[in-house]
N, C-alpha and C. Protein backbone atom coordinates (compact mmCIF):
# COMPACT_ATOMS: atom_id res chain seq x y z
N MET A 1 32.95 -23.96 -16.87
CA MET A 1 32.26 -24.06 -15.55
C MET A 1 32.28 -22.35 -15.80
N LYS A 2 33.32 -21.52 -16.58
CA LYS A 2 33.65 -20.20 -16.39
C LYS A 2 32.26 -19.94 -17.44
N SER A 3 31.86 -20.33 -18.21
CA SER A 3 30.74 -20.20 -19.23
C SER A 3 29.66 -20.13 -18.69
N LEU A 4 29.25 -21.15 -17.57
CA LEU A 4 28.54 -21.11 -17.21
C LEU A 4 28.27 -20.00 -15.82
N LEU A 5 29.03 -19.84 -15.41
CA LEU A 5 29.12 -18.68 -14.50
C LEU A 5 29.13 -16.96 -15.52
N LEU A 6 29.80 -17.24 -16.08
CA LEU A 6 29.43 -15.81 -17.19
C LEU A 6 27.90 -15.55 -17.70
N ASN A 7 27.54 -16.69 -18.30
CA ASN A 7 25.98 -16.82 -19.02
C ASN A 7 25.29 -16.06 -17.51
N SER A 8 25.53 -16.77 -16.07
CA SER A 8 24.69 -16.55 -14.79
C SER A 8 24.94 -15.31 -14.57
N LEU A 9 26.08 -14.58 -14.76
CA LEU A 9 25.95 -13.20 -13.96
C LEU A 9 25.51 -12.16 -15.05
N LEU A 10 25.33 -12.63 -16.01
CA LEU A 10 24.92 -11.84 -17.90
C LEU A 10 23.22 -11.81 -17.70
N ILE A 11 22.41 -13.25 -17.04
CA ILE A 11 21.16 -13.62 -16.61
C ILE A 11 20.79 -11.99 -15.51
N MET A 12 21.64 -12.42 -14.74
CA MET A 12 21.47 -11.68 -13.38
C MET A 12 21.33 -9.92 -14.41
N LEU A 13 22.67 -9.34 -14.94
CA LEU A 13 22.10 -8.65 -14.99
C LEU A 13 20.84 -7.69 -16.02
N LEU A 14 21.05 -8.56 -16.47
CA LEU A 14 19.18 -8.78 -17.33
C LEU A 14 18.33 -8.27 -16.92
N VAL A 15 17.93 -9.35 -15.92
CA VAL A 15 17.30 -8.94 -14.69
C VAL A 15 17.20 -7.84 -14.62
N ALA A 16 18.27 -7.27 -13.49
CA ALA A 16 18.52 -5.78 -12.82
C ALA A 16 18.09 -4.92 -13.65
N CYS A 17 18.23 -5.15 -15.01
CA CYS A 17 18.07 -3.70 -16.02
C CYS A 17 16.81 -3.84 -15.98
N SER A 18 15.61 -5.01 -16.09
CA SER A 18 15.02 -5.06 -16.46
C SER A 18 13.70 -4.37 -15.36
N THR A 19 14.47 -4.36 -13.97
CA THR A 19 13.68 -3.91 -12.93
C THR A 19 12.47 -2.66 -13.00
N SER A 20 11.49 -3.03 -12.53
CA SER A 20 10.46 -2.08 -12.41
C SER A 20 11.21 -0.82 -12.46
N ARG A 21 10.51 0.55 -13.52
CA ARG A 21 11.01 1.98 -13.56
C ARG A 21 10.39 2.49 -12.77
N TYR A 22 9.31 1.79 -11.85
CA TYR A 22 8.86 2.35 -10.46
C TYR A 22 9.11 2.19 -9.52
N ALA A 23 10.36 1.32 -9.22
CA ALA A 23 10.97 1.00 -7.74
C ALA A 23 10.95 1.71 -6.71
N LYS A 24 11.34 2.88 -7.29
CA LYS A 24 12.00 3.87 -6.45
C LYS A 24 10.56 4.01 -5.45
N LEU A 25 9.44 4.00 -6.26
CA LEU A 25 8.21 4.67 -5.34
C LEU A 25 7.83 3.65 -3.85
N ASN A 26 7.35 4.81 -3.75
CA ASN A 26 7.02 3.95 -2.30
C ASN A 26 5.81 3.73 -2.10
N LYS A 27 4.93 2.88 -2.28
CA LYS A 27 3.63 2.29 -1.90
C LYS A 27 2.94 2.32 -0.54
N ILE A 28 2.39 3.16 -0.89
CA ILE A 28 1.29 3.65 0.62
C ILE A 28 0.52 3.12 1.18
N GLU A 29 -0.81 2.80 -0.20
CA GLU A 29 -1.50 1.88 -0.01
C GLU A 29 -2.70 1.34 -1.31
N GLU A 30 -3.29 0.64 -0.51
CA GLU A 30 -3.98 -0.28 -1.75
C GLU A 30 -5.88 0.40 -1.55
N LEU A 31 -6.70 0.71 -2.35
CA LEU A 31 -8.08 1.16 -2.29
C LEU A 31 -8.51 1.34 -3.37
N THR A 32 -9.98 1.19 -3.31
CA THR A 32 -11.07 1.05 -4.18
C THR A 32 -11.60 2.67 -4.18
N LEU A 33 -11.37 3.01 -5.69
CA LEU A 33 -11.61 4.70 -5.72
C LEU A 33 -13.38 5.05 -6.10
N LYS A 34 -13.42 5.87 -5.34
CA LYS A 34 -14.53 6.69 -4.68
C LYS A 34 -15.53 7.16 -5.86
N GLY A 35 -13.98 7.96 -7.03
CA GLY A 35 -14.33 8.59 -8.08
C GLY A 35 -13.89 10.19 -8.10
N GLN A 36 -13.45 10.72 -7.29
CA GLN A 36 -13.01 12.03 -7.04
C GLN A 36 -11.87 11.99 -6.76
N GLU A 37 -10.77 11.02 -6.18
CA GLU A 37 -9.81 10.70 -5.71
C GLU A 37 -9.18 11.64 -7.38
N ILE A 38 -8.90 11.27 -8.51
CA ILE A 38 -8.13 11.58 -9.45
C ILE A 38 -8.73 12.93 -10.10
N PRO A 39 -8.09 14.16 -10.29
CA PRO A 39 -8.22 14.69 -11.23
C PRO A 39 -8.50 14.42 -12.43
N VAL A 40 -9.36 14.67 -13.30
CA VAL A 40 -9.68 14.78 -14.68
C VAL A 40 -9.29 15.75 -15.65
N PHE A 41 -8.91 15.72 -16.98
CA PHE A 41 -8.35 16.72 -18.55
C PHE A 41 -9.67 17.47 -18.11
N PHE A 42 -11.00 16.49 -19.00
CA PHE A 42 -11.83 17.23 -18.84
C PHE A 42 -13.16 17.21 -17.88
N ALA A 43 -13.30 17.90 -16.76
CA ALA A 43 -14.03 17.51 -16.03
C ALA A 43 -15.72 17.91 -16.87
N ASP A 44 -16.86 17.40 -15.68
CA ASP A 44 -18.24 17.48 -16.37
C ASP A 44 -18.47 19.33 -16.49
N THR A 45 -17.71 19.81 -15.64
CA THR A 45 -18.15 21.74 -15.73
C THR A 45 -17.30 21.91 -17.46
N THR A 46 -17.07 21.63 -17.84
CA THR A 46 -16.38 21.67 -18.54
C THR A 46 -16.87 21.89 -20.47
N ASP A 47 -17.64 23.01 -20.97
CA ASP A 47 -18.29 22.72 -22.67
C ASP A 47 -17.54 22.49 -23.51
N LYS A 48 -16.21 23.57 -23.32
CA LYS A 48 -15.28 23.10 -24.72
C LYS A 48 -14.00 23.58 -24.34
N ILE A 49 -13.01 23.05 -24.43
CA ILE A 49 -11.22 23.54 -24.21
C ILE A 49 -11.52 23.75 -26.18
N LEU A 50 -10.04 24.61 -26.46
CA LEU A 50 -10.00 25.06 -27.93
C LEU A 50 -8.61 24.98 -27.69
N TYR A 51 -7.85 23.84 -28.66
CA TYR A 51 -6.13 23.77 -28.28
C TYR A 51 -5.14 24.49 -29.58
N LYS A 52 -4.16 25.34 -30.02
CA LYS A 52 -3.79 25.55 -30.90
C LYS A 52 -2.73 24.14 -31.04
N SER A 53 -2.62 23.51 -31.83
CA SER A 53 -1.62 21.89 -32.54
C SER A 53 -1.12 21.97 -33.21
N SER A 54 -0.37 21.05 -32.85
CA SER A 54 0.90 20.39 -34.00
C SER A 54 0.82 19.51 -33.61
N VAL A 55 0.82 18.30 -34.86
CA VAL A 55 1.19 16.87 -34.76
C VAL A 55 2.33 15.83 -35.50
N ASN A 56 2.97 15.42 -35.11
CA ASN A 56 4.27 14.83 -35.90
C ASN A 56 3.41 13.09 -36.21
N ILE A 57 3.15 12.65 -37.17
CA ILE A 57 2.97 11.39 -37.03
C ILE A 57 4.06 10.73 -38.65
N TYR A 58 4.59 10.08 -37.46
CA TYR A 58 6.17 9.63 -38.88
C TYR A 58 6.45 10.21 -39.60
N GLY A 59 6.78 11.56 -39.10
CA GLY A 59 7.41 12.29 -40.10
C GLY A 59 6.31 13.48 -40.83
N ASN A 60 5.18 12.97 -40.74
CA ASN A 60 3.98 13.59 -41.50
C ASN A 60 3.83 14.92 -40.69
N TYR A 61 4.08 15.91 -40.56
CA TYR A 61 4.23 17.23 -39.62
C TYR A 61 2.36 17.75 -40.20
N LEU A 62 1.50 17.73 -39.41
CA LEU A 62 -0.19 19.08 -39.41
C LEU A 62 0.01 20.06 -38.03
N SER A 63 -0.45 20.97 -38.54
CA SER A 63 -0.71 22.05 -37.41
C SER A 63 -2.11 22.42 -37.46
N GLY A 64 -2.65 22.54 -36.76
CA GLY A 64 -3.87 23.64 -36.27
C GLY A 64 -4.34 23.75 -35.39
N LEU A 65 -6.19 23.53 -35.40
CA LEU A 65 -6.68 23.77 -34.23
C LEU A 65 -7.43 22.11 -33.49
N THR A 66 -7.40 22.10 -32.50
CA THR A 66 -7.85 21.01 -31.74
C THR A 66 -9.16 21.44 -30.73
N LEU A 67 -10.33 21.03 -31.14
CA LEU A 67 -11.29 21.24 -30.06
C LEU A 67 -11.97 20.22 -29.31
N PHE A 68 -12.41 19.83 -27.95
CA PHE A 68 -12.60 19.17 -27.06
C PHE A 68 -13.79 20.33 -26.83
N LYS A 69 -15.19 19.09 -26.87
CA LYS A 69 -16.70 20.13 -27.03
C LYS A 69 -17.51 18.65 -26.25
N ARG A 70 -17.97 19.14 -24.93
CA ARG A 70 -18.77 18.42 -24.49
C ARG A 70 -20.47 18.50 -25.24
N LEU A 71 -20.94 17.19 -25.37
CA LEU A 71 -22.42 17.59 -25.90
C LEU A 71 -23.19 17.01 -25.37
N PRO A 72 -24.71 17.55 -25.70
CA PRO A 72 -25.64 17.11 -24.33
C PRO A 72 -26.17 16.04 -24.08
N ASP A 73 -25.51 14.39 -24.63
CA ASP A 73 -25.47 13.94 -24.62
C ASP A 73 -25.12 13.01 -23.27
N SER A 74 -23.91 14.33 -22.91
CA SER A 74 -22.36 13.80 -21.99
C SER A 74 -21.50 13.47 -22.90
N SER A 75 -21.58 13.20 -24.85
CA SER A 75 -20.39 12.59 -25.26
C SER A 75 -19.41 13.55 -25.12
N ILE A 76 -18.01 13.92 -25.68
CA ILE A 76 -16.95 14.02 -25.62
C ILE A 76 -16.73 14.17 -27.28
N ARG A 77 -16.50 15.00 -27.92
CA ARG A 77 -16.29 15.14 -29.30
C ARG A 77 -14.93 15.94 -29.82
N VAL A 78 -13.73 15.47 -30.52
CA VAL A 78 -12.53 15.52 -30.43
C VAL A 78 -12.29 16.37 -32.20
N VAL A 79 -12.40 17.31 -32.46
CA VAL A 79 -12.47 17.43 -33.68
C VAL A 79 -10.69 18.11 -34.06
N PHE A 80 -9.96 17.51 -35.24
CA PHE A 80 -8.69 18.39 -35.01
C PHE A 80 -8.91 18.78 -36.31
N MET A 81 -8.26 20.45 -37.08
CA MET A 81 -8.32 21.00 -38.29
C MET A 81 -7.64 21.47 -38.64
N ASN A 82 -7.48 22.05 -40.05
CA ASN A 82 -5.85 22.61 -40.19
C ASN A 82 -6.60 23.96 -40.08
N GLU A 83 -5.46 24.91 -40.34
CA GLU A 83 -5.76 26.57 -40.44
C GLU A 83 -6.50 27.06 -41.20
N LEU A 84 -6.97 26.11 -42.42
CA LEU A 84 -7.84 26.60 -43.03
C LEU A 84 -9.18 26.45 -42.94
N GLY A 85 -9.35 25.41 -41.82
CA GLY A 85 -10.45 25.04 -41.24
C GLY A 85 -11.18 23.58 -42.08
N ILE A 86 -10.03 23.50 -42.68
CA ILE A 86 -10.37 21.76 -42.74
C ILE A 86 -10.07 20.77 -41.74
N LYS A 87 -11.35 19.88 -41.75
CA LYS A 87 -11.30 19.09 -40.79
C LYS A 87 -10.70 17.74 -41.32
N ILE A 88 -9.92 17.31 -40.58
CA ILE A 88 -8.20 16.14 -40.50
C ILE A 88 -9.41 14.77 -39.99
N PHE A 89 -9.73 15.25 -38.31
CA PHE A 89 -10.18 13.87 -38.31
C PHE A 89 -11.28 14.62 -36.88
N GLU A 90 -12.09 13.35 -36.69
CA GLU A 90 -13.27 13.81 -35.56
C GLU A 90 -13.64 12.30 -34.88
N PHE A 91 -13.72 12.24 -33.49
CA PHE A 91 -13.83 11.37 -32.91
C PHE A 91 -15.17 11.86 -32.13
N GLU A 92 -15.31 10.81 -31.64
CA GLU A 92 -16.39 10.34 -30.06
C GLU A 92 -16.51 10.28 -29.14
N PHE A 93 -16.10 10.37 -27.63
CA PHE A 93 -16.07 9.39 -26.84
C PHE A 93 -16.86 9.58 -25.84
N LYS A 94 -18.12 8.04 -25.82
CA LYS A 94 -19.20 8.52 -24.98
C LYS A 94 -18.90 6.94 -23.76
N ASN A 95 -19.46 7.35 -22.51
CA ASN A 95 -19.38 5.99 -21.81
C ASN A 95 -18.36 5.33 -21.72
N ASN A 96 -17.21 5.81 -22.19
CA ASN A 96 -15.89 5.52 -21.96
C ASN A 96 -15.56 4.88 -23.36
N GLU A 97 -16.34 5.03 -24.79
CA GLU A 97 -16.72 4.07 -25.61
C GLU A 97 -16.36 5.05 -26.76
N PHE A 98 -15.18 4.42 -27.67
CA PHE A 98 -14.65 5.66 -28.84
C PHE A 98 -14.80 5.34 -30.11
N LYS A 99 -15.16 5.87 -30.81
CA LYS A 99 -15.84 6.08 -32.10
C LYS A 99 -15.29 6.84 -32.84
N LYS A 100 -14.97 5.92 -34.53
CA LYS A 100 -14.33 6.70 -35.18
C LYS A 100 -15.68 8.09 -36.18
N VAL A 101 -15.42 9.50 -35.79
CA VAL A 101 -16.92 10.01 -36.96
C VAL A 101 -16.27 10.38 -38.12
N PHE A 102 -14.84 10.82 -38.45
CA PHE A 102 -14.50 11.01 -39.57
C PHE A 102 -12.62 11.22 -39.57
N CYS A 103 -12.20 10.70 -40.60
CA CYS A 103 -10.77 10.57 -40.66
C CYS A 103 -10.79 11.02 -42.12
N LEU A 104 -9.61 12.32 -42.30
CA LEU A 104 -9.04 12.49 -43.52
C LEU A 104 -8.42 11.01 -44.41
N GLU A 105 -8.90 10.57 -45.52
CA GLU A 105 -7.84 9.87 -46.18
C GLU A 105 -7.11 9.25 -46.12
N GLN A 106 -5.74 10.07 -46.36
CA GLN A 106 -4.62 9.82 -45.94
C GLN A 106 -4.60 9.24 -44.38
N LEU A 107 -4.84 9.78 -43.89
CA LEU A 107 -4.41 9.61 -42.13
C LEU A 107 -4.99 8.10 -41.75
N ASP A 108 -6.09 7.62 -42.61
CA ASP A 108 -7.13 6.62 -41.92
C ASP A 108 -6.83 4.96 -42.64
N ARG A 109 -5.91 5.03 -41.39
CA ARG A 109 -5.15 3.80 -41.55
C ARG A 109 -5.16 3.19 -40.13
N PRO A 110 -5.63 1.62 -39.96
CA PRO A 110 -5.85 1.07 -38.42
C PRO A 110 -4.42 1.14 -37.63
N SER A 111 -3.44 1.68 -38.04
CA SER A 111 -3.08 1.48 -37.12
C SER A 111 -2.19 3.18 -36.36
N ILE A 112 -2.95 4.09 -36.80
CA ILE A 112 -3.14 5.89 -36.67
C ILE A 112 -4.42 5.94 -36.00
N ILE A 113 -5.22 5.22 -36.17
CA ILE A 113 -6.91 5.10 -35.80
C ILE A 113 -6.38 4.71 -33.97
N ASN A 114 -5.82 3.82 -34.66
CA ASN A 114 -5.91 2.66 -33.12
C ASN A 114 -5.07 3.79 -32.38
N THR A 115 -4.07 4.28 -32.44
CA THR A 115 -3.08 4.96 -31.82
C THR A 115 -3.73 6.13 -31.10
N ILE A 116 -4.38 6.52 -32.23
CA ILE A 116 -5.21 8.12 -31.52
C ILE A 116 -6.26 7.72 -30.14
N LYS A 117 -6.87 6.15 -30.84
CA LYS A 117 -8.33 6.18 -30.39
C LYS A 117 -7.68 5.63 -28.70
N SER A 118 -6.51 5.21 -28.49
CA SER A 118 -5.30 4.96 -27.29
C SER A 118 -5.40 6.02 -26.75
N ASP A 119 -4.65 7.24 -27.20
CA ASP A 119 -4.17 8.43 -26.36
C ASP A 119 -5.86 8.93 -25.85
N LEU A 120 -6.88 9.16 -27.02
CA LEU A 120 -8.18 9.94 -26.15
C LEU A 120 -8.46 8.80 -25.23
N GLU A 121 -8.61 7.41 -24.89
CA GLU A 121 -9.29 6.69 -23.79
C GLU A 121 -8.16 7.20 -22.80
N ILE A 122 -7.10 7.16 -22.75
CA ILE A 122 -6.20 7.18 -21.69
C ILE A 122 -6.48 9.00 -21.12
N LEU A 123 -6.25 10.05 -21.80
CA LEU A 123 -6.66 11.22 -21.58
C LEU A 123 -8.17 11.47 -21.17
N LEU A 124 -8.94 11.37 -21.61
CA LEU A 124 -10.39 11.33 -21.48
C LEU A 124 -11.01 10.36 -20.16
N PHE A 125 -10.31 9.57 -20.07
CA PHE A 125 -10.93 8.34 -19.03
C PHE A 125 -11.32 8.87 -18.37
N GLN A 126 -12.40 9.07 -17.25
CA GLN A 126 -12.93 9.22 -16.38
C GLN A 126 -14.16 8.52 -15.12
N SER A 127 -14.21 7.23 -15.93
CA SER A 127 -15.23 6.18 -14.97
C SER A 127 -14.08 5.79 -13.57
N PHE A 128 -13.92 5.90 -12.57
CA PHE A 128 -12.78 5.86 -11.98
C PHE A 128 -13.39 5.04 -11.09
N ILE A 129 -15.33 5.23 -10.73
CA ILE A 129 -15.51 4.62 -9.35
C ILE A 129 -15.61 3.14 -9.32
N ASN A 130 -15.07 2.91 -8.24
CA ASN A 130 -14.73 1.58 -7.78
C ASN A 130 -13.82 0.47 -8.50
N GLN A 131 -13.05 1.69 -9.46
CA GLN A 131 -11.56 1.21 -9.61
C GLN A 131 -10.64 0.34 -8.61
N LYS A 132 -10.18 -0.38 -8.33
CA LYS A 132 -9.09 -0.72 -7.88
C LYS A 132 -7.30 -0.21 -8.29
N SER A 133 -7.22 0.35 -6.46
CA SER A 133 -6.21 2.03 -7.11
C SER A 133 -4.88 1.75 -6.00
N ILE A 134 -3.47 1.57 -6.62
CA ILE A 134 -2.52 1.74 -5.62
C ILE A 134 -1.75 2.68 -5.63
N ILE A 135 -1.69 3.58 -4.37
CA ILE A 135 -1.23 4.97 -4.09
C ILE A 135 0.38 4.42 -4.01
N PHE A 136 1.43 5.50 -4.44
CA PHE A 136 2.62 5.38 -4.31
C PHE A 136 3.12 6.91 -3.93
N ASN A 137 4.18 7.36 -3.36
CA ASN A 137 5.08 8.52 -3.33
C ASN A 137 6.38 8.63 -3.47
N ASP A 138 6.55 9.75 -4.57
CA ASP A 138 7.82 9.65 -5.03
C ASP A 138 9.37 9.56 -4.12
N LYS A 139 10.08 9.71 -4.24
CA LYS A 139 10.96 10.12 -3.31
C LYS A 139 11.16 11.22 -2.40
N GLU A 140 11.18 12.29 -3.55
CA GLU A 140 11.09 13.57 -3.10
C GLU A 140 9.55 13.87 -2.23
N ASN A 141 8.59 13.26 -2.59
CA ASN A 141 7.22 13.46 -2.03
C ASN A 141 6.33 14.69 -2.48
N LEU A 142 6.80 14.94 -4.05
CA LEU A 142 6.29 15.52 -4.65
C LEU A 142 5.06 15.39 -4.91
N TYR A 143 4.62 14.34 -5.66
CA TYR A 143 3.35 13.71 -6.29
C TYR A 143 2.84 12.97 -5.23
N ARG A 144 1.33 12.11 -5.17
CA ARG A 144 0.74 11.37 -5.01
C ARG A 144 0.25 10.77 -6.41
N ILE A 145 0.82 9.67 -6.60
CA ILE A 145 0.54 8.67 -7.47
C ILE A 145 -0.45 7.68 -7.38
N TYR A 146 -1.47 7.69 -8.28
CA TYR A 146 -2.42 6.39 -8.47
C TYR A 146 -2.03 5.53 -9.70
N ARG A 147 -1.64 4.34 -9.03
CA ARG A 147 -1.29 3.33 -10.41
C ARG A 147 -3.08 2.32 -10.59
N THR A 148 -3.98 2.39 -11.76
CA THR A 148 -5.10 1.48 -11.97
C THR A 148 -4.66 1.02 -13.25
N ARG A 149 -5.50 -0.17 -13.46
CA ARG A 149 -5.44 -0.66 -14.79
C ARG A 149 -5.79 -0.22 -15.96
N PHE A 150 -5.04 -0.53 -16.64
CA PHE A 150 -5.66 0.24 -18.34
C PHE A 150 -5.92 -1.15 -19.03
N GLY A 151 -6.67 -1.84 -19.40
CA GLY A 151 -6.41 -2.97 -20.60
C GLY A 151 -5.56 -3.57 -19.98
N GLU A 152 -4.62 -3.98 -20.74
CA GLU A 152 -3.24 -5.23 -20.46
C GLU A 152 -2.37 -4.24 -19.53
N PHE A 153 -2.06 -2.99 -19.95
CA PHE A 153 -1.31 -1.87 -19.11
C PHE A 153 -1.87 -1.53 -18.12
N PHE A 154 -0.86 -0.21 -17.35
CA PHE A 154 -1.23 0.51 -16.17
C PHE A 154 -1.36 2.02 -16.87
N ASN A 155 -2.10 2.82 -15.79
CA ASN A 155 -2.20 4.21 -15.81
C ASN A 155 -1.49 4.80 -14.57
N TYR A 156 -0.39 5.56 -14.64
CA TYR A 156 -0.12 6.07 -13.47
C TYR A 156 -0.34 7.52 -13.68
N TYR A 157 -0.94 7.96 -12.68
CA TYR A 157 -1.93 9.24 -12.56
C TYR A 157 -0.87 10.23 -11.33
N PHE A 158 0.21 11.58 -11.89
CA PHE A 158 1.02 12.08 -11.03
C PHE A 158 0.00 12.94 -10.23
N ILE A 159 -0.11 13.02 -8.89
CA ILE A 159 -0.91 14.77 -8.50
C ILE A 159 -0.10 15.65 -8.31
N SER A 160 -0.31 16.50 -8.15
CA SER A 160 1.13 17.48 -7.33
C SER A 160 0.34 17.33 -5.74
N ARG A 161 1.07 17.68 -5.57
CA ARG A 161 0.71 17.45 -3.68
C ARG A 161 0.52 19.12 -3.11
N LYS A 162 1.25 20.12 -4.09
CA LYS A 162 0.88 21.08 -3.68
C LYS A 162 -0.54 21.37 -3.87
N THR A 163 -0.35 21.77 -5.40
CA THR A 163 -1.96 22.25 -5.98
C THR A 163 -3.28 21.18 -5.85
N ASN A 164 -2.80 19.58 -6.09
CA ASN A 164 -3.98 18.85 -6.27
C ASN A 164 -4.67 18.92 -7.78
N THR A 165 -3.15 18.99 -8.06
CA THR A 165 -3.39 19.13 -9.54
C THR A 165 -3.25 18.30 -10.34
N LEU A 166 -3.79 17.48 -11.58
CA LEU A 166 -3.50 16.46 -12.35
C LEU A 166 -1.96 16.78 -13.69
N LEU A 167 -1.19 16.66 -13.23
CA LEU A 167 0.51 16.90 -14.02
C LEU A 167 1.00 16.00 -15.70
N LYS A 168 0.70 14.87 -15.05
CA LYS A 168 1.36 13.96 -15.86
C LYS A 168 0.27 12.57 -15.53
N ILE A 169 0.12 11.45 -16.78
CA ILE A 169 -0.09 10.53 -17.04
C ILE A 169 0.63 9.55 -17.78
N GLU A 170 1.12 8.94 -17.07
CA GLU A 170 2.09 7.61 -17.69
C GLU A 170 1.37 6.34 -17.83
N ASN A 171 1.29 5.96 -19.46
CA ASN A 171 0.82 4.13 -20.02
C ASN A 171 1.86 3.12 -19.47
N GLY A 172 1.85 2.24 -19.59
CA GLY A 172 2.87 1.14 -20.06
C GLY A 172 2.66 0.20 -18.78
N GLY A 173 3.97 -0.83 -19.02
CA GLY A 173 4.02 -1.86 -17.86
C GLY A 173 4.85 -1.68 -16.82
N LEU A 174 5.09 -2.47 -16.24
CA LEU A 174 5.75 -2.56 -14.71
C LEU A 174 7.75 -2.01 -15.19
N THR A 175 7.77 -2.56 -16.22
CA THR A 175 9.71 -2.41 -17.01
C THR A 175 9.32 -1.16 -18.53
N SER A 176 8.09 -0.93 -18.21
CA SER A 176 8.43 0.41 -19.61
C SER A 176 7.24 1.47 -19.76
N GLU A 177 7.28 1.78 -20.90
CA GLU A 177 6.59 3.17 -20.98
C GLU A 177 6.74 3.35 -21.83
N ASN A 178 5.06 3.08 -22.26
CA ASN A 178 4.15 3.64 -23.95
C ASN A 178 3.98 5.03 -24.29
N VAL A 179 3.29 5.80 -23.55
CA VAL A 179 2.67 6.52 -23.45
C VAL A 179 2.92 7.97 -21.76
N GLU A 180 3.11 9.03 -22.88
CA GLU A 180 3.44 10.13 -21.54
C GLU A 180 2.70 11.66 -21.81
N ILE A 181 1.43 11.41 -21.05
CA ILE A 181 1.04 12.68 -21.30
C ILE A 181 1.19 13.77 -20.22
N ARG A 182 1.61 14.85 -20.51
CA ARG A 182 1.94 16.04 -19.64
C ARG A 182 1.27 16.86 -19.78
N PHE A 183 0.58 17.48 -19.02
CA PHE A 183 -0.08 18.92 -18.58
C PHE A 183 0.80 20.11 -18.03
N GLY A 184 0.28 21.18 -18.51
CA GLY A 184 0.58 22.67 -18.32
C GLY A 184 -0.29 23.25 -16.82
N SER A 185 0.11 24.15 -16.59
CA SER A 185 -0.94 24.34 -15.04
C SER A 185 -2.21 25.07 -15.92
N ASN A 186 -3.18 24.09 -15.24
CA ASN A 186 -4.72 24.21 -15.25
C ASN A 186 -5.29 23.73 -17.04
N ALA A 187 -4.07 23.16 -17.11
CA ALA A 187 -4.32 22.12 -18.37
C ALA A 187 -3.96 23.15 -19.89
N ASP A 188 -3.44 24.23 -19.78
CA ASP A 188 -3.24 25.43 -20.60
C ASP A 188 -2.68 25.03 -21.66
N SER A 189 -1.58 23.88 -21.60
CA SER A 189 -0.82 22.86 -22.73
C SER A 189 -0.39 21.35 -22.12
N LEU A 190 -0.65 21.09 -23.22
CA LEU A 190 -0.89 19.91 -23.19
C LEU A 190 0.11 18.72 -24.52
N GLU A 191 0.99 17.91 -23.62
CA GLU A 191 1.69 17.09 -24.79
C GLU A 191 2.00 15.44 -24.71
N ILE A 192 1.35 14.91 -25.80
CA ILE A 192 1.42 13.22 -25.75
C ILE A 192 2.73 13.03 -26.26
N GLU A 193 3.86 12.40 -25.80
CA GLU A 193 4.56 11.36 -25.93
C GLU A 193 4.62 10.68 -26.44
N HIS A 194 5.04 9.78 -27.22
CA HIS A 194 5.24 8.34 -27.13
C HIS A 194 6.36 7.80 -27.73
N LYS A 195 6.61 7.08 -26.33
CA LYS A 195 8.20 6.28 -26.41
C LYS A 195 7.98 5.03 -27.35
N ASP A 196 7.73 4.42 -28.32
CA ASP A 196 7.49 3.01 -29.06
C ASP A 196 7.25 3.32 -30.56
N MET A 197 6.96 4.81 -30.41
CA MET A 197 6.74 4.87 -32.33
C MET A 197 6.73 6.48 -32.41
N ASP A 198 7.13 6.84 -33.61
CA ASP A 198 7.35 8.36 -34.04
C ASP A 198 6.34 9.51 -34.03
N ILE A 199 5.27 9.33 -32.46
CA ILE A 199 3.89 10.38 -32.60
C ILE A 199 4.33 11.00 -31.66
N ASN A 200 4.21 12.37 -31.62
CA ASN A 200 4.09 13.20 -30.71
C ASN A 200 3.20 14.30 -30.98
N ILE A 201 2.29 15.01 -29.83
CA ILE A 201 1.34 15.96 -29.94
C ILE A 201 1.62 17.07 -29.35
N LYS A 202 1.38 18.12 -29.59
CA LYS A 202 1.91 19.37 -28.33
C LYS A 202 0.38 20.47 -28.54
N MET A 203 -0.29 20.79 -27.57
CA MET A 203 -1.21 21.76 -27.82
C MET A 203 -1.45 22.46 -26.59
N TYR A 204 -1.92 23.85 -27.09
CA TYR A 204 -1.59 25.18 -26.29
C TYR A 204 -3.06 25.92 -26.37
N LYS A 205 -3.39 26.21 -25.14
CA LYS A 205 -4.89 26.34 -25.55
C LYS A 205 -5.18 27.64 -25.66
N ILE A 206 -5.69 28.07 -26.54
CA ILE A 206 -6.28 29.34 -26.67
C ILE A 206 -7.26 29.91 -26.38
N ILE A 207 -7.20 31.16 -25.27
CA ILE A 207 -7.85 31.85 -24.69
C ILE A 207 -8.95 32.84 -25.42
N GLU A 208 -10.12 32.16 -25.50
CA GLU A 208 -10.82 32.70 -26.20
C GLU A 208 -11.85 34.34 -25.44
């Protein structure tokens, strides 16, 4: 009997610990997005952004430049090169589809490519029209938070109520977080932090 009671208490404790990390958010409404509600990182009016970058991939450290460039066909190219101008990887993002254009042989592994693919899809996704979303308020009422479905997970977009700018994207399930992307003012910096693997990317905008 004592063993049964102890097991029951343990199960209750485990359930409590797995409660949604977003349980403290206040649900405001559910709606179908029209496409303009969520500010995007790389807007249609932006031709290119150049960042000084540092990348940690499983203990392998790289530094260099990352270029986001919009082409005439509206596709987006993302190119990472080292300080000597040697290209490390190049990816294309078009109509929300991802394509590897080039990757240095040493890094051309499915686990790395799929991770970068997922990160860029989260960062560059822009087709919010007709997406179902739930809007939340945080306890301090600092953010307007949109939750949208992203594959088998969710994206949470944290938008400043004061400036109406995108401050953070969190990707994960209801009880866990996979990736967090944080933005500086006017996207002058951004950081992609993985919670479940040793991958971290930091970027600082270069003023041209």
